[in-house]
Amino acid sequence: AFLHEALDPARDLADALTQIAPEMLILFAEDNAADVDAALQVRARVAPEVPVVVVRNRFDEATMSQYMRAGAQDVVTL
């Protein structure tokens, strides 16, 4: 199942993860690391088996490491 819309991680993501049961979560993230962290926390609590890939226009090693420690399986660029 594909969900292609912007979600408020604090409110809608938990519901989407339980209702849709996705095979993968792809987070498109730019300058708002707090939203990515919140989404990763919700996913870890609600659906820890769902892998997460964070997509950014660019990133450095520190950013990649931050997201990987927070639970992402990979960080990639467009």
PDB file of N, CA and C in Angstrom:
ATOM      1  N   ALA A   1       0.841  -1.178   0.000  1.00  0.00           N
ATOM      2  CA  ALA A   1       0.000   0.000   0.000  1.00  0.00           C
ATOM      3  C   ALA A   1       0.879   1.232   0.000  1.00  0.00           C
ATOM      4  N   PHE A   2       0.498   2.225  -0.775  1.00  0.00           N
ATOM      5  CA  PHE A   2       1.246   3.469  -0.852  1.00  0.00           C
ATOM      6  C   PHE A   2       0.417   4.588  -0.263  1.00  0.00           C
ATOM      7  N   LEU A   3       1.066   5.400   0.546  1.00  0.00           N
ATOM      8  CA  LEU A   3       0.440   6.598   1.087  1.00  0.00           C
ATOM      9  C   LEU A   3       1.301   7.754   0.638  1.00  0.00           C
ATOM     10  N   HIS A   4       0.749   8.602  -0.193  1.00  0.00           N
ATOM     11  CA  HIS A   4       1.526   9.707  -0.741  1.00  0.00           C
ATOM     12  C   HIS A   4       0.866  11.016  -0.351  1.00  0.00           C
ATOM     13  N   GLU A   5       1.100  11.424   0.880  1.00  0.00           N
ATOM     14  CA  GLU A   5       0.604  12.704   1.358  1.00  0.00           C
ATOM     15  C   GLU A   5       1.417  13.110   2.566  1.00  0.00           C
ATOM     16  N   ALA A   6       1.367  14.378   2.862  1.00  0.00           N
ATOM     17  CA  ALA A   6       2.085  14.878   4.025  1.00  0.00           C
ATOM     18  C   ALA A   6       1.307  14.546   5.284  1.00  0.00           C
ATOM     19  N   LEU A   7       1.995  14.016   6.269  1.00  0.00           N
ATOM     20  CA  LEU A   7       1.355  13.658   7.526  1.00  0.00           C
ATOM     21  C   LEU A   7       1.977  14.449   8.660  1.00  0.00           C
ATOM     22  N   ASP A   8       1.185  14.757   9.663  1.00  0.00           N
ATOM     23  CA  ASP A   8       1.692  15.342  10.897  1.00  0.00           C
ATOM     24  C   ASP A   8       2.159  14.158  11.739  1.00  0.00           C
ATOM     25  N   PRO A   9       3.484  13.993  11.920  1.00  0.00           N
ATOM     26  CA  PRO A   9       3.991  12.801  12.608  1.00  0.00           C
ATOM     27  C   PRO A   9       3.380  12.582  13.980  1.00  0.00           C
ATOM     28  N   ALA A  10       3.122  13.644  14.698  1.00  0.00           N
ATOM     29  CA  ALA A  10       2.602  13.501  16.051  1.00  0.00           C
ATOM     30  C   ALA A  10       1.159  13.024  16.064  1.00  0.00           C
ATOM     31  N   ARG A  11       0.423  13.239  15.014  1.00  0.00           N
ATOM     32  CA  ARG A  11      -1.000  12.924  15.033  1.00  0.00           C
ATOM     33  C   ARG A  11      -1.396  11.823  14.069  1.00  0.00           C
ATOM     34  N   ASP A  12      -0.980  11.913  12.822  1.00  0.00           N
ATOM     35  CA  ASP A  12      -1.502  11.041  11.780  1.00  0.00           C
ATOM     36  C   ASP A  12      -0.663   9.807  11.482  1.00  0.00           C
ATOM     37  N   LEU A  13       0.619   9.873  11.736  1.00  0.00           N
ATOM     38  CA  LEU A  13       1.487   8.768  11.341  1.00  0.00           C
ATOM     39  C   LEU A  13       1.162   7.474  12.068  1.00  0.00           C
ATOM     40  N   ALA A  14       0.906   7.534  13.341  1.00  0.00           N
ATOM     41  CA  ALA A  14       0.583   6.314  14.092  1.00  0.00           C
ATOM     42  C   ALA A  14      -0.663   5.653  13.530  1.00  0.00           C
ATOM     43  N   ASP A  15      -1.682   6.441  13.233  1.00  0.00           N
ATOM     44  CA  ASP A  15      -2.904   5.888  12.646  1.00  0.00           C
ATOM     45  C   ASP A  15      -2.631   5.278  11.279  1.00  0.00           C
ATOM     46  N   ALA A  16      -1.850   5.979  10.455  1.00  0.00           N
ATOM     47  CA  ALA A  16      -1.544   5.475   9.120  1.00  0.00           C
ATOM     48  C   ALA A  16      -0.770   4.164   9.190  1.00  0.00           C
ATOM     49  N   LEU A  17       0.193   4.079  10.096  1.00  0.00           N
ATOM     50  CA  LEU A  17       0.992   2.853  10.209  1.00  0.00           C
ATOM     51  C   LEU A  17       0.142   1.659  10.632  1.00  0.00           C
ATOM     52  N   THR A  18      -0.819   1.863  11.498  1.00  0.00           N
ATOM     53  CA  THR A  18      -1.647   0.739  11.932  1.00  0.00           C
ATOM     54  C   THR A  18      -2.741   0.401  10.927  1.00  0.00           C
ATOM     55  N   GLN A  19      -3.301   1.393  10.256  1.00  0.00           N
ATOM     56  CA  GLN A  19      -4.401   1.135   9.319  1.00  0.00           C
ATOM     57  C   GLN A  19      -3.927   0.641   7.963  1.00  0.00           C
ATOM     58  N   ILE A  20      -2.815   1.158   7.490  1.00  0.00           N
ATOM     59  CA  ILE A  20      -2.346   0.814   6.148  1.00  0.00           C
ATOM     60  C   ILE A  20      -1.392  -0.374   6.159  1.00  0.00           C
ATOM     61  N   ALA A  21      -0.658  -0.549   7.250  1.00  0.00           N
ATOM     62  CA  ALA A  21       0.349  -1.607   7.371  1.00  0.00           C
ATOM     63  C   ALA A  21       1.327  -1.577   6.198  1.00  0.00           C
ATOM     64  N   PRO A  22       2.101  -0.479   6.062  1.00  0.00           N
ATOM     65  CA  PRO A  22       3.005  -0.354   4.921  1.00  0.00           C
ATOM     66  C   PRO A  22       4.191  -1.301   5.025  1.00  0.00           C
ATOM     67  N   GLU A  23       4.787  -1.581   3.876  1.00  0.00           N
ATOM     68  CA  GLU A  23       5.984  -2.410   3.834  1.00  0.00           C
ATOM     69  C   GLU A  23       7.239  -1.588   4.075  1.00  0.00           C
ATOM     70  N   MET A  24       7.159  -0.269   3.834  1.00  0.00           N
ATOM     71  CA  MET A  24       8.304   0.612   4.008  1.00  0.00           C
ATOM     72  C   MET A  24       7.791   2.027   4.208  1.00  0.00           C
ATOM     73  N   LEU A  25       8.553   2.788   4.979  1.00  0.00           N
ATOM     74  CA  LEU A  25       8.240   4.194   5.202  1.00  0.00           C
ATOM     75  C   LEU A  25       9.373   5.018   4.613  1.00  0.00           C
ATOM     76  N   ILE A  26       9.039   5.910   3.695  1.00  0.00           N
ATOM     77  CA  ILE A  26      10.031   6.778   3.082  1.00  0.00           C
ATOM     78  C   ILE A  26       9.741   8.195   3.555  1.00  0.00           C
ATOM     79  N   LEU A  27      10.720   8.780   4.263  1.00  0.00           N
ATOM     80  CA  LEU A  27      10.560  10.125   4.803  1.00  0.00           C
ATOM     81  C   LEU A  27      11.378  11.097   3.965  1.00  0.00           C
ATOM     82  N   PHE A  28      10.705  12.028   3.319  1.00  0.00           N
ATOM     83  CA  PHE A  28      11.380  13.085   2.578  1.00  0.00           C
ATOM     84  C   PHE A  28      11.630  14.219   3.555  1.00  0.00           C
ATOM     85  N   ALA A  29      12.887  14.519   3.805  1.00  0.00           N
ATOM     86  CA  ALA A  29      13.240  15.447   4.871  1.00  0.00           C
ATOM     87  C   ALA A  29      14.258  16.449   4.385  1.00  0.00           C
ATOM     88  N   GLU A  30      13.981  17.678   4.679  1.00  0.00           N
ATOM     89  CA  GLU A  30      15.002  18.689   4.467  1.00  0.00           C
ATOM     90  C   GLU A  30      15.289  19.342   5.793  1.00  0.00           C
ATOM     91  N   ASP A  31      15.131  20.562   5.948  1.00  0.00           N
ATOM     92  CA  ASP A  31      15.662  21.286   7.088  1.00  0.00           C
ATOM     93  C   ASP A  31      14.933  21.069   8.406  1.00  0.00           C
ATOM     94  N   ASN A  32      14.023  20.130   8.504  1.00  0.00           N
ATOM     95  CA  ASN A  32      13.286  19.960   9.746  1.00  0.00           C
ATOM     96  C   ASN A  32      13.587  18.605  10.372  1.00  0.00           C
ATOM     97  N   ALA A  33      14.722  18.510  11.023  1.00  0.00           N
ATOM     98  CA  ALA A  33      15.145  17.256  11.654  1.00  0.00           C
ATOM     99  C   ALA A  33      14.194  16.839  12.761  1.00  0.00           C
ATOM    100  N   ALA A  34      13.537  17.786  13.414  1.00  0.00           N
ATOM    101  CA  ALA A  34      12.608  17.455  14.497  1.00  0.00           C
ATOM    102  C   ALA A  34      11.442  16.618  13.982  1.00  0.00           C
ATOM    103  N   ASP A  35      10.932  16.916  12.781  1.00  0.00           N
ATOM    104  CA  ASP A  35       9.847  16.122  12.212  1.00  0.00           C
ATOM    105  C   ASP A  35      10.302  14.703  11.903  1.00  0.00           C
ATOM    106  N   VAL A  36      11.514  14.565  11.388  1.00  0.00           N
ATOM    107  CA  VAL A  36      12.047  13.235  11.090  1.00  0.00           C
ATOM    108  C   VAL A  36      12.221  12.452  12.385  1.00  0.00           C
ATOM    109  N   ASP A  37      12.788  13.075  13.392  1.00  0.00           N
ATOM    110  CA  ASP A  37      12.971  12.400  14.677  1.00  0.00           C
ATOM    111  C   ASP A  37      11.631  11.972  15.262  1.00  0.00           C
ATOM    112  N   ALA A  38      10.628  12.851  15.176  1.00  0.00           N
ATOM    113  CA  ALA A  38       9.300  12.518  15.694  1.00  0.00           C
ATOM    114  C   ALA A  38       8.700  11.343  14.923  1.00  0.00           C
ATOM    115  N   ALA A  39       8.838  11.355  13.609  1.00  0.00           N
ATOM    116  CA  ALA A  39       8.312  10.258  12.792  1.00  0.00           C
ATOM    117  C   ALA A  39       9.019   8.949  13.115  1.00  0.00           C
ATOM    118  N   LEU A  40      10.336   8.998  13.307  1.00  0.00           N
ATOM    119  CA  LEU A  40      11.082   7.781  13.648  1.00  0.00           C
ATOM    120  C   LEU A  40      10.674   7.250  15.019  1.00  0.00           C
ATOM    121  N   GLN A  41      10.390   8.128  15.952  1.00  0.00           N
ATOM    122  CA  GLN A  41       9.935   7.696  17.280  1.00  0.00           C
ATOM    123  C   GLN A  41       8.562   7.041  17.206  1.00  0.00           C
ATOM    124  N   VAL A  42       7.658   7.630  16.429  1.00  0.00           N
ATOM    125  CA  VAL A  42       6.323   7.052  16.264  1.00  0.00           C
ATOM    126  C   VAL A  42       6.432   5.683  15.615  1.00  0.00           C
ATOM    127  N   ARG A  43       7.221   5.584  14.549  1.00  0.00           N
ATOM    128  CA  ARG A  43       7.391   4.292  13.862  1.00  0.00           C
ATOM    129  C   ARG A  43       7.975   3.245  14.810  1.00  0.00           C
ATOM    130  N   ALA A  44       8.960   3.624  15.629  1.00  0.00           N
ATOM    131  CA  ALA A  44       9.574   2.682  16.569  1.00  0.00           C
ATOM    132  C   ALA A  44       8.568   2.183  17.590  1.00  0.00           C
ATOM    133  N   ARG A  45       7.667   3.032  17.985  1.00  0.00           N
ATOM    134  CA  ARG A  45       6.664   2.663  18.981  1.00  0.00           C
ATOM    135  C   ARG A  45       5.517   1.853  18.380  1.00  0.00           C
ATOM    136  N   VAL A  46       5.056   2.229  17.197  1.00  0.00           N
ATOM    137  CA  VAL A  46       3.844   1.652  16.623  1.00  0.00           C
ATOM    138  C   VAL A  46       4.128   0.489  15.674  1.00  0.00           C
ATOM    139  N   ALA A  47       5.176   0.608  14.861  1.00  0.00           N
ATOM    140  CA  ALA A  47       5.451  -0.407  13.834  1.00  0.00           C
ATOM    141  C   ALA A  47       6.956  -0.587  13.657  1.00  0.00           C
ATOM    142  N   PRO A  48       7.642  -1.114  14.672  1.00  0.00           N
ATOM    143  CA  PRO A  48       9.104  -1.209  14.600  1.00  0.00           C
ATOM    144  C   PRO A  48       9.614  -2.109  13.474  1.00  0.00           C
ATOM    145  N   GLU A  49       8.769  -2.953  12.944  1.00  0.00           N
ATOM    146  CA  GLU A  49       9.183  -3.850  11.865  1.00  0.00           C
ATOM    147  C   GLU A  49       9.224  -3.165  10.501  1.00  0.00           C
ATOM    148  N   VAL A  50       8.657  -1.968  10.395  1.00  0.00           N
ATOM    149  CA  VAL A  50       8.608  -1.253   9.121  1.00  0.00           C
ATOM    150  C   VAL A  50       9.934  -0.508   8.912  1.00  0.00           C
ATOM    151  N   PRO A  51      10.672  -0.842   7.848  1.00  0.00           N
ATOM    152  CA  PRO A  51      11.934  -0.146   7.595  1.00  0.00           C
ATOM    153  C   PRO A  51      11.682   1.291   7.142  1.00  0.00           C
ATOM    154  N   VAL A  52      12.640   2.162   7.469  1.00  0.00           N
ATOM    155  CA  VAL A  52      12.529   3.583   7.143  1.00  0.00           C
ATOM    156  C   VAL A  52      13.735   4.014   6.318  1.00  0.00           C
ATOM    157  N   VAL A  53      13.461   4.724   5.234  1.00  0.00           N
ATOM    158  CA  VAL A  53      14.499   5.338   4.429  1.00  0.00           C
ATOM    159  C   VAL A  53      14.242   6.846   4.464  1.00  0.00           C
ATOM    160  N   VAL A  54      15.268   7.607   4.826  1.00  0.00           N
ATOM    161  CA  VAL A  54      15.172   9.062   4.846  1.00  0.00           C
ATOM    162  C   VAL A  54      15.786   9.587   3.555  1.00  0.00           C
ATOM    163  N   VAL A  55      15.048  10.455   2.854  1.00  0.00           N
ATOM    164  CA  VAL A  55      15.506  11.019   1.583  1.00  0.00           C
ATOM    165  C   VAL A  55      15.738  12.519   1.774  1.00  0.00           C
ATOM    166  N   ARG A  56      16.904  12.973   1.357  1.00  0.00           N
ATOM    167  CA  ARG A  56      17.250  14.395   1.440  1.00  0.00           C
ATOM    168  C   ARG A  56      17.912  14.833   0.140  1.00  0.00           C
ATOM    169  N   ASN A  57      17.922  16.113  -0.113  1.00  0.00           N
ATOM    170  CA  ASN A  57      18.646  16.629  -1.282  1.00  0.00           C
ATOM    171  C   ASN A  57      20.140  16.438  -1.110  1.00  0.00           C
ATOM    172  N   ARG A  58      20.612  16.625   0.129  1.00  0.00           N
ATOM    173  CA  ARG A  58      22.023  16.409   0.435  1.00  0.00           C
ATOM    174  C   ARG A  58      22.141  16.162   1.934  1.00  0.00           C
ATOM    175  N   PHE A  59      23.219  15.546   2.334  1.00  0.00           N
ATOM    176  CA  PHE A  59      23.468  15.295   3.748  1.00  0.00           C
ATOM    177  C   PHE A  59      24.951  15.065   3.954  1.00  0.00           C
ATOM    178  N   ASP A  60      25.351  15.205   5.196  1.00  0.00           N
ATOM    179  CA  ASP A  60      26.737  14.913   5.541  1.00  0.00           C
ATOM    180  C   ASP A  60      26.759  13.688   6.446  1.00  0.00           C
ATOM    181  N   GLU A  61      27.943  13.267   6.809  1.00  0.00           N
ATOM    182  CA  GLU A  61      28.085  12.051   7.619  1.00  0.00           C
ATOM    183  C   GLU A  61      27.399  12.182   8.974  1.00  0.00           C
ATOM    184  N   ALA A  62      27.457  13.359   9.580  1.00  0.00           N
ATOM    185  CA  ALA A  62      26.824  13.576  10.880  1.00  0.00           C
ATOM    186  C   ALA A  62      25.310  13.441  10.791  1.00  0.00           C
ATOM    187  N   THR A  63      24.720  13.995   9.726  1.00  0.00           N
ATOM    188  CA  THR A  63      23.273  13.887   9.532  1.00  0.00           C
ATOM    189  C   THR A  63      22.869  12.442   9.301  1.00  0.00           C
ATOM    190  N   MET A  64      23.624  11.757   8.475  1.00  0.00           N
ATOM    191  CA  MET A  64      23.329  10.346   8.212  1.00  0.00           C
ATOM    192  C   MET A  64      23.405   9.540   9.502  1.00  0.00           C
ATOM    193  N   SER A  65      24.437   9.761  10.264  1.00  0.00           N
ATOM    194  CA  SER A  65      24.619   9.049  11.520  1.00  0.00           C
ATOM    195  C   SER A  65      23.474   9.336  12.489  1.00  0.00           C
ATOM    196  N   GLN A  66      23.052  10.586  12.549  1.00  0.00           N
ATOM    197  CA  GLN A  66      21.941  10.962  13.431  1.00  0.00           C
ATOM    198  C   GLN A  66      20.682  10.173  13.086  1.00  0.00           C
ATOM    199  N   TYR A  67      20.330  10.128  11.812  1.00  0.00           N
ATOM    200  CA  TYR A  67      19.109   9.414  11.401  1.00  0.00           C
ATOM    201  C   TYR A  67      19.245   7.904  11.580  1.00  0.00           C
ATOM    202  N   MET A  68      20.413   7.379  11.332  1.00  0.00           N
ATOM    203  CA  MET A  68      20.611   5.937  11.507  1.00  0.00           C
ATOM    204  C   MET A  68      20.501   5.565  12.985  1.00  0.00           C
ATOM    205  N   ARG A  69      21.076   6.366  13.878  1.00  0.00           N
ATOM    206  CA  ARG A  69      20.949   6.110  15.315  1.00  0.00           C
ATOM    207  C   ARG A  69      19.497   6.231  15.778  1.00  0.00           C
ATOM    208  N   ALA A  70      18.730   7.098  15.115  1.00  0.00           N
ATOM    209  CA  ALA A  70      17.326   7.298  15.484  1.00  0.00           C
ATOM    210  C   ALA A  70      16.425   6.188  14.955  1.00  0.00           C
ATOM    211  N   GLY A  71      16.959   5.321  14.071  1.00  0.00           N
ATOM    212  CA  GLY A  71      16.167   4.176  13.631  1.00  0.00           C
ATOM    213  C   GLY A  71      15.984   4.013  12.145  1.00  0.00           C
ATOM    214  N   ALA A  72      16.498   4.940  11.336  1.00  0.00           N
ATOM    215  CA  ALA A  72      16.383   4.771   9.889  1.00  0.00           C
ATOM    216  C   ALA A  72      17.290   3.646   9.418  1.00  0.00           C
ATOM    217  N   GLN A  73      16.861   2.924   8.410  1.00  0.00           N
ATOM    218  CA  GLN A  73      17.684   1.872   7.846  1.00  0.00           C
ATOM    219  C   GLN A  73      18.673   2.423   6.834  1.00  0.00           C
ATOM    220  N   ASP A  74      18.322   3.575   6.225  1.00  0.00           N
ATOM    221  CA  ASP A  74      19.221   4.181   5.252  1.00  0.00           C
ATOM    222  C   ASP A  74      18.864   5.649   5.092  1.00  0.00           C
ATOM    223  N   VAL A  75      19.841   6.423   4.602  1.00  0.00           N
ATOM    224  CA  VAL A  75      19.648   7.822   4.255  1.00  0.00           C
ATOM    225  C   VAL A  75      20.191   7.973   2.849  1.00  0.00           C
ATOM    226  N   VAL A  76      19.372   8.497   1.947  1.00  0.00           N
ATOM    227  CA  VAL A  76      19.764   8.600   0.549  1.00  0.00           C
ATOM    228  C   VAL A  76      19.476   9.999   0.020  1.00  0.00           C
ATOM    229  N   THR A  77      20.107  10.339  -1.107  1.00  0.00           N
ATOM    230  CA  THR A  77      19.836  11.607  -1.761  1.00  0.00           C
ATOM    231  C   THR A  77      18.957  11.367  -2.978  1.00  0.00           C
ATOM    232  N   LEU A  78      18.321  12.436  -3.402  1.00  0.00           N
ATOM    233  CA  LEU A  78      17.518  12.347  -4.618  1.00  0.00           C
ATOM    234  C   LEU A  78      18.423  12.170  -5.813  1.00  0.00           C
TER     235      LEU A  78
END
